[in-house]
């Protein structure tokens, strides 16, 4: 009897974990680029706190693998419409992705080893928007 209870408990735990593992608590979407100002617009959606923040960013540098970083506002390589889903512990299938906003900087790191890409931006503004559900 206790084996059945343990088996059912394990199945319930696994089922609950797998349901939530494909939903990222925080996602980022590249919503715009102004080539005249060299600014990127990136929206952060926090599905747990139910908040949305719009960042206006200017590229500081882009670095690929062990190559020398390329500095300046025209060096970063985001794509308008791109969704960036952090996966720093690789708990979901896919590559390592980490997004780290802190003080006046936002860094995006993806991949590993020689294929790792780091892009760092200066945050020019951060505006709270009405929350809209969606990754």
Protein backbone atom coordinates (compact mmCIF):
# COMPACT_ATOMS: atom_id res chain seq x y z
CA UNK A 1 0.00 0.00 0.00
CA UNK A 2 2.75 2.48 0.92
CA UNK A 3 4.51 1.74 -2.40
CA UNK A 4 1.38 2.80 -4.26
CA UNK A 5 1.12 5.99 -2.25
CA UNK A 6 4.79 6.80 -2.94
CA UNK A 7 4.35 6.00 -6.65
CA UNK A 8 1.27 8.22 -6.92
CA UNK A 9 2.99 11.02 -5.01
CA UNK A 10 6.01 10.79 -7.34
CA UNK A 11 3.78 10.91 -10.42
CA UNK A 12 1.91 13.92 -9.10
CA UNK A 13 5.15 15.70 -8.25
CA UNK A 14 6.63 14.94 -11.67
CA UNK A 15 3.42 15.96 -13.43
CA UNK A 16 3.25 19.29 -11.58
CA UNK A 17 6.92 19.99 -12.26
CA UNK A 18 6.68 19.25 -15.97
CA UNK A 19 3.63 21.50 -16.39
CA UNK A 20 5.54 24.50 -15.08
CA UNK A 21 8.94 23.77 -16.59
CA UNK A 22 7.99 25.09 -20.05
CA UNK A 23 6.66 28.41 -18.74
CA UNK A 24 9.38 30.92 -18.03
CA UNK A 25 8.64 33.30 -15.18
CA UNK A 26 10.39 36.15 -17.05
CA UNK A 27 10.69 36.68 -20.80
CA UNK A 28 12.11 39.46 -22.93
CA UNK A 29 10.94 40.55 -26.38
CA UNK A 30 12.83 42.86 -28.72
CA UNK A 31 10.09 45.24 -29.80
CA UNK A 32 12.01 47.91 -31.68
CA UNK A 33 15.23 49.39 -32.99
CA UNK A 34 15.87 53.05 -33.82
CA UNK A 35 18.84 53.13 -36.20
CA UNK A 36 19.13 56.93 -35.99
CA UNK A 37 19.62 56.78 -32.22
CA UNK A 38 21.15 53.26 -32.12
CA UNK A 39 18.66 52.27 -29.42
CA UNK A 40 16.94 48.96 -28.84
CA UNK A 41 13.54 48.59 -27.19
CA UNK A 42 13.17 45.42 -25.12
CA UNK A 43 10.07 44.52 -23.09
CA UNK A 44 10.50 42.40 -19.97
CA UNK A 45 7.39 40.45 -18.92
CA UNK A 46 7.41 39.01 -15.41
CA UNK A 47 4.64 36.42 -15.35
CA UNK A 48 5.02 35.82 -11.60
CA UNK A 49 5.00 39.43 -10.36
CA UNK A 50 2.56 40.33 -13.19
CA UNK A 51 4.67 43.30 -14.30
CA UNK A 52 5.96 44.54 -17.62
CA UNK A 53 8.91 46.86 -18.07
CA UNK A 54 10.05 48.51 -21.30
CA UNK A 55 13.78 49.11 -21.55
CA UNK A 56 15.42 51.47 -24.02
CA UNK A 57 18.99 50.24 -24.47
CA UNK A 58 22.23 51.31 -26.13
CA UNK A 59 24.85 48.68 -26.94
CA UNK A 60 28.09 48.80 -24.94
CA UNK A 61 29.77 45.75 -26.48
CA UNK A 62 29.31 42.44 -28.27
CA UNK A 63 31.64 39.49 -27.65
CA UNK A 64 31.66 36.13 -29.38
CA UNK A 65 33.64 33.32 -27.73
CA UNK A 66 37.22 34.30 -26.99
CA UNK A 67 37.32 36.97 -29.68
CA UNK A 68 38.06 40.54 -28.69
CA UNK A 69 34.87 42.43 -27.70
CA UNK A 70 33.50 44.84 -30.30
CA UNK A 71 32.58 48.06 -28.49
CA UNK A 72 30.11 50.73 -29.48
CA UNK A 73 26.44 51.42 -30.06
CA UNK A 74 26.30 49.65 -33.45
CA UNK A 75 27.84 46.33 -32.37
CA UNK A 76 24.95 44.40 -30.79
CA UNK A 77 22.90 42.02 -32.86
CA UNK A 78 19.33 41.65 -31.63
CA UNK A 79 16.40 40.97 -33.96
CA UNK A 80 13.14 42.90 -33.68
CA UNK A 81 10.45 40.37 -32.77
CA UNK A 82 12.95 38.04 -31.11
CA UNK A 83 11.83 36.49 -27.83
CA UNK A 84 14.58 35.87 -25.30
CA UNK A 85 13.71 33.27 -22.69
CA UNK A 86 16.27 32.94 -19.89
CA UNK A 87 17.46 29.38 -19.31
CA UNK A 88 20.48 29.91 -17.03
CA UNK A 89 20.29 26.51 -15.32
CA UNK A 90 19.22 24.72 -18.53
CA UNK A 91 16.20 23.26 -16.78
CA UNK A 92 14.36 23.37 -20.11
CA UNK A 93 15.66 21.98 -23.41
CA UNK A 94 17.79 24.46 -25.31
CA UNK A 95 20.93 26.45 -24.87
CA UNK A 96 22.17 28.44 -21.92
CA UNK A 97 20.56 31.91 -21.92
CA UNK A 98 20.89 34.45 -19.12
CA UNK A 99 19.54 38.00 -19.03
CA UNK A 100 20.69 40.17 -16.18
CA UNK A 101 19.35 43.69 -15.65
CA UNK A 102 21.23 45.50 -12.88
CA UNK A 103 21.54 49.18 -12.06
CA UNK A 104 22.02 50.86 -15.45
CA UNK A 105 23.17 47.76 -17.40
CA UNK A 106 21.43 44.82 -19.05
CA UNK A 107 23.50 41.83 -20.17
CA UNK A 108 22.44 38.95 -22.39
CA UNK A 109 24.60 35.82 -22.47
CA UNK A 110 23.81 32.81 -24.62
CA UNK A 111 25.59 29.61 -25.58
CA UNK A 112 28.71 28.12 -24.07
CA UNK A 113 32.42 27.89 -24.74
CA UNK A 114 33.62 29.12 -28.12
CA UNK A 115 30.06 29.82 -29.24
CA UNK A 116 29.11 31.94 -26.23
CA UNK A 117 27.80 35.41 -27.10
CA UNK A 118 27.70 38.25 -24.59
CA UNK A 119 25.91 41.49 -25.35
CA UNK A 120 25.91 44.29 -22.81
CA UNK A 121 23.74 47.39 -22.97
CA UNK A 122 23.34 50.62 -21.03
CA UNK A 123 19.75 51.13 -19.90
CA UNK A 124 18.72 54.61 -21.06
CA UNK A 125 15.22 54.29 -19.59
CA UNK A 126 12.96 51.75 -17.92
CA UNK A 127 9.21 52.33 -18.02
CA UNK A 128 6.52 50.26 -16.30
CA UNK A 129 3.77 49.22 -18.71
CA UNK A 130 0.38 47.62 -18.02
CA UNK A 131 0.87 43.87 -17.62
CA UNK A 132 -0.24 41.74 -20.53
CA UNK A 133 0.01 38.02 -20.10
CA UNK A 134 2.17 36.20 -22.57
CA UNK A 135 5.69 34.99 -23.12
